[in-house]
Amino acid sequence: MERCSQVLEVQIEQEGSAHRASYFVEGGTIHASIAGKIVAVPVGPRSAADTVKSLLSGYLAQRSRLRASGARWTNA
């Protein structure tokens, strides 16, 4: 269990690069800073660190898809 209001950081590696997100838990809510944006999600059955890693991974996957889609449009 994470301590309330303590700012923590997680890191994942994707495509050979390290990506980080910071977060804190307060009032049953996880507040994560991912790419300069604050994301708030309720605390669930998984650890807050695992939840933030999943959010970060999803953000990176979406960013990758958008870049690939944009490349297809500019090369058409």
PDB file of N, CA and C in Angstrom:
ATOM      1  N   MET A   1       0.841  -1.190   0.000  1.00  0.00           N
ATOM      2  CA  MET A   1       0.000   0.000   0.000  1.00  0.00           C
ATOM      3  C   MET A   1       0.879   1.245   0.000  1.00  0.00           C
ATOM      4  N   GLU A   2       0.599   2.163  -0.900  1.00  0.00           N
ATOM      5  CA  GLU A   2       1.366   3.397  -0.990  1.00  0.00           C
ATOM      6  C   GLU A   2       0.936   4.378   0.091  1.00  0.00           C
ATOM      7  N   ARG A   3       1.859   5.170   0.534  1.00  0.00           N
ATOM      8  CA  ARG A   3       1.547   6.188   1.531  1.00  0.00           C
ATOM      9  C   ARG A   3       0.873   7.366   0.849  1.00  0.00           C
ATOM     10  N   CYS A   4      -0.117   7.922   1.502  1.00  0.00           N
ATOM     11  CA  CYS A   4      -0.845   9.053   0.939  1.00  0.00           C
ATOM     12  C   CYS A   4       0.052  10.269   0.785  1.00  0.00           C
ATOM     13  N   SER A   5      -0.122  10.969  -0.321  1.00  0.00           N
ATOM     14  CA  SER A   5       0.539  12.227  -0.641  1.00  0.00           C
ATOM     15  C   SER A   5       2.052  12.129  -0.812  1.00  0.00           C
ATOM     16  N   GLN A   6       2.608  10.937  -0.871  1.00  0.00           N
ATOM     17  CA  GLN A   6       4.029  10.769  -1.148  1.00  0.00           C
ATOM     18  C   GLN A   6       4.197  10.639  -2.661  1.00  0.00           C
ATOM     19  N   VAL A   7       5.000  11.517  -3.264  1.00  0.00           N
ATOM     20  CA  VAL A   7       5.204  11.477  -4.708  1.00  0.00           C
ATOM     21  C   VAL A   7       6.204  10.373  -5.026  1.00  0.00           C
ATOM     22  N   LEU A   8       5.777   9.464  -5.906  1.00  0.00           N
ATOM     23  CA  LEU A   8       6.601   8.332  -6.306  1.00  0.00           C
ATOM     24  C   LEU A   8       6.782   8.362  -7.822  1.00  0.00           C
ATOM     25  N   GLU A   9       7.693   7.541  -8.314  1.00  0.00           N
ATOM     26  CA  GLU A   9       7.962   7.501  -9.744  1.00  0.00           C
ATOM     27  C   GLU A   9       8.066   6.056 -10.210  1.00  0.00           C
ATOM     28  N   VAL A  10       7.566   5.804 -11.411  1.00  0.00           N
ATOM     29  CA  VAL A  10       7.721   4.495 -12.045  1.00  0.00           C
ATOM     30  C   VAL A  10       8.433   4.699 -13.372  1.00  0.00           C
ATOM     31  N   GLN A  11       9.041   3.639 -13.848  1.00  0.00           N
ATOM     32  CA  GLN A  11       9.746   3.693 -15.121  1.00  0.00           C
ATOM     33  C   GLN A  11       9.480   2.415 -15.890  1.00  0.00           C
ATOM     34  N   ILE A  12       9.248   2.557 -17.184  1.00  0.00           N
ATOM     35  CA  ILE A  12       9.132   1.395 -18.053  1.00  0.00           C
ATOM     36  C   ILE A  12      10.065   1.605 -19.240  1.00  0.00           C
ATOM     37  N   GLU A  13      10.465   0.511 -19.845  1.00  0.00           N
ATOM     38  CA  GLU A  13      11.284   0.583 -21.043  1.00  0.00           C
ATOM     39  C   GLU A  13      10.456   0.108 -22.212  1.00  0.00           C
ATOM     40  N   GLN A  14      10.497   0.881 -23.288  1.00  0.00           N
ATOM     41  CA  GLN A  14       9.762   0.520 -24.495  1.00  0.00           C
ATOM     42  C   GLN A  14      10.579   0.976 -25.692  1.00  0.00           C
ATOM     43  N   GLU A  15      10.800   0.072 -26.615  1.00  0.00           N
ATOM     44  CA  GLU A  15      11.566   0.351 -27.826  1.00  0.00           C
ATOM     45  C   GLU A  15      12.948   0.904 -27.487  1.00  0.00           C
ATOM     46  N   GLY A  16      13.558   0.374 -26.451  1.00  0.00           N
ATOM     47  CA  GLY A  16      14.914   0.761 -26.068  1.00  0.00           C
ATOM     48  C   GLY A  16      15.043   2.076 -25.326  1.00  0.00           C
ATOM     49  N   SER A  17      13.935   2.714 -25.010  1.00  0.00           N
ATOM     50  CA  SER A  17      13.965   3.992 -24.279  1.00  0.00           C
ATOM     51  C   SER A  17      13.256   3.847 -22.943  1.00  0.00           C
ATOM     52  N   ALA A  18      13.770   4.560 -21.958  1.00  0.00           N
ATOM     53  CA  ALA A  18      13.137   4.575 -20.641  1.00  0.00           C
ATOM     54  C   ALA A  18      12.126   5.717 -20.585  1.00  0.00           C
ATOM     55  N   HIS A  19      10.955   5.426 -20.059  1.00  0.00           N
ATOM     56  CA  HIS A  19       9.892   6.430 -19.921  1.00  0.00           C
ATOM     57  C   HIS A  19       9.449   6.445 -18.462  1.00  0.00           C
ATOM     58  N   ARG A  20       9.244   7.644 -17.920  1.00  0.00           N
ATOM     59  CA  ARG A  20       8.899   7.791 -16.507  1.00  0.00           C
ATOM     60  C   ARG A  20       7.587   8.525 -16.325  1.00  0.00           C
ATOM     61  N   ALA A  21       6.956   8.207 -15.207  1.00  0.00           N
ATOM     62  CA  ALA A  21       5.748   8.920 -14.783  1.00  0.00           C
ATOM     63  C   ALA A  21       5.820   9.044 -13.263  1.00  0.00           C
ATOM     64  N   SER A  22       5.370  10.157 -12.750  1.00  0.00           N
ATOM     65  CA  SER A  22       5.305  10.328 -11.300  1.00  0.00           C
ATOM     66  C   SER A  22       3.839  10.290 -10.882  1.00  0.00           C
ATOM     67  N   TYR A  23       3.622   9.943  -9.618  1.00  0.00           N
ATOM     68  CA  TYR A  23       2.249   9.823  -9.138  1.00  0.00           C
ATOM     69  C   TYR A  23       2.201   9.943  -7.618  1.00  0.00           C
ATOM     70  N   PHE A  24       1.005  10.205  -7.123  1.00  0.00           N
ATOM     71  CA  PHE A  24       0.750  10.135  -5.686  1.00  0.00           C
ATOM     72  C   PHE A  24      -0.674   9.651  -5.488  1.00  0.00           C
ATOM     73  N   VAL A  25      -0.928   9.118  -4.305  1.00  0.00           N
ATOM     74  CA  VAL A  25      -2.250   8.599  -3.965  1.00  0.00           C
ATOM     75  C   VAL A  25      -2.827   9.475  -2.860  1.00  0.00           C
ATOM     76  N   GLU A  26      -4.068   9.899  -3.058  1.00  0.00           N
ATOM     77  CA  GLU A  26      -4.718  10.735  -2.047  1.00  0.00           C
ATOM     78  C   GLU A  26      -6.221  10.531  -2.130  1.00  0.00           C
ATOM     79  N   GLY A  27      -6.820  10.262  -1.008  1.00  0.00           N
ATOM     80  CA  GLY A  27      -8.272  10.127  -0.944  1.00  0.00           C
ATOM     81  C   GLY A  27      -8.831   9.026  -1.835  1.00  0.00           C
ATOM     82  N   GLY A  28      -8.128   7.927  -1.970  1.00  0.00           N
ATOM     83  CA  GLY A  28      -8.613   6.830  -2.795  1.00  0.00           C
ATOM     84  C   GLY A  28      -8.456   7.049  -4.286  1.00  0.00           C
ATOM     85  N   THR A  29      -7.666   8.066  -4.665  1.00  0.00           N
ATOM     86  CA  THR A  29      -7.453   8.386  -6.069  1.00  0.00           C
ATOM     87  C   THR A  29      -5.962   8.431  -6.365  1.00  0.00           C
ATOM     88  N   ILE A  30      -5.583   7.859  -7.505  1.00  0.00           N
ATOM     89  CA  ILE A  30      -4.204   7.933  -7.983  1.00  0.00           C
ATOM     90  C   ILE A  30      -4.120   9.124  -8.921  1.00  0.00           C
ATOM     91  N   HIS A  31      -3.195  10.020  -8.662  1.00  0.00           N
ATOM     92  CA  HIS A  31      -2.955  11.185  -9.510  1.00  0.00           C
ATOM     93  C   HIS A  31      -1.607  10.963 -10.185  1.00  0.00           C
ATOM     94  N   ALA A  32      -1.606  10.744 -11.497  1.00  0.00           N
ATOM     95  CA  ALA A  32      -0.381  10.448 -12.232  1.00  0.00           C
ATOM     96  C   ALA A  32      -0.070  11.571 -13.217  1.00  0.00           C
ATOM     97  N   SER A  33       1.204  11.896 -13.311  1.00  0.00           N
ATOM     98  CA  SER A  33       1.670  12.875 -14.289  1.00  0.00           C
ATOM     99  C   SER A  33       2.344  12.109 -15.426  1.00  0.00           C
ATOM    100  N   ILE A  34       1.689  12.101 -16.578  1.00  0.00           N
ATOM    101  CA  ILE A  34       2.181  11.380 -17.745  1.00  0.00           C
ATOM    102  C   ILE A  34       2.277  12.370 -18.900  1.00  0.00           C
ATOM    103  N   ALA A  35       3.489  12.574 -19.388  1.00  0.00           N
ATOM    104  CA  ALA A  35       3.743  13.501 -20.500  1.00  0.00           C
ATOM    105  C   ALA A  35       3.193  14.897 -20.207  1.00  0.00           C
ATOM    106  N   GLY A  36       3.337  15.342 -18.982  1.00  0.00           N
ATOM    107  CA  GLY A  36       2.911  16.683 -18.611  1.00  0.00           C
ATOM    108  C   GLY A  36       1.428  16.843 -18.350  1.00  0.00           C
ATOM    109  N   LYS A  37       0.691  15.754 -18.409  1.00  0.00           N
ATOM    110  CA  LYS A  37      -0.745  15.810 -18.144  1.00  0.00           C
ATOM    111  C   LYS A  37      -1.058  15.014 -16.884  1.00  0.00           C
ATOM    112  N   ILE A  38      -1.999  15.509 -16.098  1.00  0.00           N
ATOM    113  CA  ILE A  38      -2.411  14.823 -14.876  1.00  0.00           C
ATOM    114  C   ILE A  38      -3.589  13.911 -15.192  1.00  0.00           C
ATOM    115  N   VAL A  39      -3.455  12.654 -14.805  1.00  0.00           N
ATOM    116  CA  VAL A  39      -4.508  11.664 -14.989  1.00  0.00           C
ATOM    117  C   VAL A  39      -4.934  11.202 -13.602  1.00  0.00           C
ATOM    118  N   ALA A  40      -6.217  11.221 -13.316  1.00  0.00           N
ATOM    119  CA  ALA A  40      -6.734  10.781 -12.010  1.00  0.00           C
ATOM    120  C   ALA A  40      -7.604   9.548 -12.216  1.00  0.00           C
ATOM    121  N   VAL A  41      -7.272   8.483 -11.492  1.00  0.00           N
ATOM    122  CA  VAL A  41      -8.034   7.238 -11.564  1.00  0.00           C
ATOM    123  C   VAL A  41      -8.235   6.709 -10.148  1.00  0.00           C
ATOM    124  N   PRO A  42      -9.328   6.016  -9.914  1.00  0.00           N
ATOM    125  CA  PRO A  42      -9.549   5.473  -8.569  1.00  0.00           C
ATOM    126  C   PRO A  42      -8.572   4.337  -8.263  1.00  0.00           C
ATOM    127  N   VAL A  43      -8.241   4.197  -6.990  1.00  0.00           N
ATOM    128  CA  VAL A  43      -7.411   3.080  -6.553  1.00  0.00           C
ATOM    129  C   VAL A  43      -8.208   1.808  -6.756  1.00  0.00           C
ATOM    130  N   GLY A  44      -7.585   0.813  -7.357  1.00  0.00           N
ATOM    131  CA  GLY A  44      -8.258  -0.455  -7.627  1.00  0.00           C
ATOM    132  C   GLY A  44      -7.563  -1.589  -6.909  1.00  0.00           C
ATOM    133  N   PRO A  45      -7.809  -2.812  -7.359  1.00  0.00           N
ATOM    134  CA  PRO A  45      -7.216  -3.979  -6.702  1.00  0.00           C
ATOM    135  C   PRO A  45      -5.712  -4.114  -6.949  1.00  0.00           C
ATOM    136  N   ARG A  46      -5.216  -3.519  -8.024  1.00  0.00           N
ATOM    137  CA  ARG A  46      -3.786  -3.571  -8.322  1.00  0.00           C
ATOM    138  C   ARG A  46      -3.063  -2.465  -7.570  1.00  0.00           C
ATOM    139  N   SER A  47      -1.753  -2.582  -7.447  1.00  0.00           N
ATOM    140  CA  SER A  47      -0.981  -1.533  -6.782  1.00  0.00           C
ATOM    141  C   SER A  47      -1.024  -0.264  -7.632  1.00  0.00           C
ATOM    142  N   ALA A  48      -0.844   0.870  -6.988  1.00  0.00           N
ATOM    143  CA  ALA A  48      -0.841   2.144  -7.707  1.00  0.00           C
ATOM    144  C   ALA A  48       0.289   2.169  -8.733  1.00  0.00           C
ATOM    145  N   ALA A  49       1.445   1.610  -8.377  1.00  0.00           N
ATOM    146  CA  ALA A  49       2.580   1.583  -9.306  1.00  0.00           C
ATOM    147  C   ALA A  49       2.227   0.798 -10.571  1.00  0.00           C
ATOM    148  N   ASP A  50       1.594  -0.353 -10.412  1.00  0.00           N
ATOM    149  CA  ASP A  50       1.197  -1.148 -11.576  1.00  0.00           C
ATOM    150  C   ASP A  50       0.162  -0.416 -12.424  1.00  0.00           C
ATOM    151  N   THR A  51      -0.759   0.266 -11.772  1.00  0.00           N
ATOM    152  CA  THR A  51      -1.772   1.034 -12.492  1.00  0.00           C
ATOM    153  C   THR A  51      -1.128   2.137 -13.319  1.00  0.00           C
ATOM    154  N   VAL A  52      -0.178   2.864 -12.730  1.00  0.00           N
ATOM    155  CA  VAL A  52       0.490   3.961 -13.437  1.00  0.00           C
ATOM    156  C   VAL A  52       1.344   3.416 -14.577  1.00  0.00           C
ATOM    157  N   LYS A  53       1.997   2.278 -14.369  1.00  0.00           N
ATOM    158  CA  LYS A  53       2.764   1.662 -15.457  1.00  0.00           C
ATOM    159  C   LYS A  53       1.844   1.311 -16.625  1.00  0.00           C
ATOM    160  N   SER A  54       0.659   0.805 -16.338  1.00  0.00           N
ATOM    161  CA  SER A  54      -0.305   0.480 -17.386  1.00  0.00           C
ATOM    162  C   SER A  54      -0.777   1.737 -18.111  1.00  0.00           C
ATOM    163  N   LEU A  55      -1.031   2.805 -17.366  1.00  0.00           N
ATOM    164  CA  LEU A  55      -1.437   4.070 -17.986  1.00  0.00           C
ATOM    165  C   LEU A  55      -0.334   4.609 -18.888  1.00  0.00           C
ATOM    166  N   LEU A  56       0.905   4.556 -18.417  1.00  0.00           N
ATOM    167  CA  LEU A  56       2.044   5.034 -19.199  1.00  0.00           C
ATOM    168  C   LEU A  56       2.232   4.193 -20.455  1.00  0.00           C
ATOM    169  N   SER A  57       2.120   2.891 -20.318  1.00  0.00           N
ATOM    170  CA  SER A  57       2.242   1.994 -21.469  1.00  0.00           C
ATOM    171  C   SER A  57       1.154   2.279 -22.495  1.00  0.00           C
ATOM    172  N   GLY A  58      -0.067   2.501 -22.036  1.00  0.00           N
ATOM    173  CA  GLY A  58      -1.166   2.835 -22.936  1.00  0.00           C
ATOM    174  C   GLY A  58      -0.944   4.150 -23.648  1.00  0.00           C
ATOM    175  N   TYR A  59      -0.422   5.144 -22.932  1.00  0.00           N
ATOM    176  CA  TYR A  59      -0.122   6.436 -23.541  1.00  0.00           C
ATOM    177  C   TYR A  59       0.921   6.265 -24.643  1.00  0.00           C
ATOM    178  N   LEU A  60       1.974   5.499 -24.362  1.00  0.00           N
ATOM    179  CA  LEU A  60       3.036   5.299 -25.347  1.00  0.00           C
ATOM    180  C   LEU A  60       2.526   4.538 -26.572  1.00  0.00           C
ATOM    181  N   ALA A  61       1.665   3.549 -26.357  1.00  0.00           N
ATOM    182  CA  ALA A  61       1.094   2.796 -27.475  1.00  0.00           C
ATOM    183  C   ALA A  61       0.224   3.703 -28.342  1.00  0.00           C
ATOM    184  N   GLN A  62      -0.572   4.554 -27.717  1.00  0.00           N
ATOM    185  CA  GLN A  62      -1.423   5.477 -28.466  1.00  0.00           C
ATOM    186  C   GLN A  62      -0.571   6.465 -29.256  1.00  0.00           C
ATOM    187  N   ARG A  63       0.464   6.979 -28.639  1.00  0.00           N
ATOM    188  CA  ARG A  63       1.359   7.926 -29.320  1.00  0.00           C
ATOM    189  C   ARG A  63       2.016   7.266 -30.533  1.00  0.00           C
ATOM    190  N   SER A  64       2.424   6.022 -30.368  1.00  0.00           N
ATOM    191  CA  SER A  64       3.045   5.279 -31.468  1.00  0.00           C
ATOM    192  C   SER A  64       2.060   5.068 -32.613  1.00  0.00           C
ATOM    193  N   ARG A  65       0.812   4.701 -32.285  1.00  0.00           N
ATOM    194  CA  ARG A  65      -0.207   4.515 -33.321  1.00  0.00           C
ATOM    195  C   ARG A  65      -0.497   5.820 -34.057  1.00  0.00           C
ATOM    196  N   LEU A  66      -0.570   6.930 -33.328  1.00  0.00           N
ATOM    197  CA  LEU A  66      -0.841   8.218 -33.966  1.00  0.00           C
ATOM    198  C   LEU A  66       0.293   8.626 -34.893  1.00  0.00           C
ATOM    199  N   ARG A  67       1.532   8.375 -34.478  1.00  0.00           N
ATOM    200  CA  ARG A  67       2.671   8.697 -35.344  1.00  0.00           C
ATOM    201  C   ARG A  67       2.654   7.847 -36.605  1.00  0.00           C
ATOM    202  N   ALA A  68       2.359   6.564 -36.459  1.00  0.00           N
ATOM    203  CA  ALA A  68       2.308   5.670 -37.619  1.00  0.00           C
ATOM    204  C   ALA A  68       1.185   6.086 -38.563  1.00  0.00           C
ATOM    205  N   SER A  69       0.055   6.449 -38.006  1.00  0.00           N
ATOM    206  CA  SER A  69      -1.073   6.885 -38.820  1.00  0.00           C
ATOM    207  C   SER A  69      -0.737   8.187 -39.550  1.00  0.00           C
ATOM    208  N   GLY A  70      -0.103   9.105 -38.864  1.00  0.00           N
ATOM    209  CA  GLY A  70       0.290  10.369 -39.484  1.00  0.00           C
ATOM    210  C   GLY A  70       1.290  10.150 -40.595  1.00  0.00           C
ATOM    211  N   ALA A  71       2.211   9.216 -40.404  1.00  0.00           N
ATOM    212  CA  ALA A  71       3.205   8.920 -41.440  1.00  0.00           C
ATOM    213  C   ALA A  71       2.536   8.357 -42.687  1.00  0.00           C
ATOM    214  N   ARG A  72       1.501   7.530 -42.503  1.00  0.00           N
ATOM    215  CA  ARG A  72       0.788   6.985 -43.663  1.00  0.00           C
ATOM    216  C   ARG A  72       0.105   8.092 -44.450  1.00  0.00           C
ATOM    217  N   TRP A  73      -0.451   9.072 -43.763  1.00  0.00           N
ATOM    218  CA  TRP A  73      -1.146  10.155 -44.446  1.00  0.00           C
ATOM    219  C   TRP A  73      -0.176  11.080 -45.178  1.00  0.00           C
ATOM    220  N   THR A  74       0.987  11.327 -44.580  1.00  0.00           N
ATOM    221  CA  THR A  74       1.934  12.241 -45.231  1.00  0.00           C
ATOM    222  C   THR A  74       2.684  11.572 -46.370  1.00  0.00           C
ATOM    223  N   ASN A  75       2.750  10.221 -46.368  1.00  0.00           N
ATOM    224  CA  ASN A  75       3.444   9.497 -47.431  1.00  0.00           C
ATOM    225  C   ASN A  75       2.500   9.018 -48.526  1.00  0.00           C
ATOM    226  N   ALA A  76       1.226   9.339 -48.410  1.00  0.00           N
ATOM    227  CA  ALA A  76       0.244   8.851 -49.388  1.00  0.00           C
ATOM    228  C   ALA A  76       0.297   9.650 -50.668  1.00  0.00           C
TER     229      ALA A  76
END
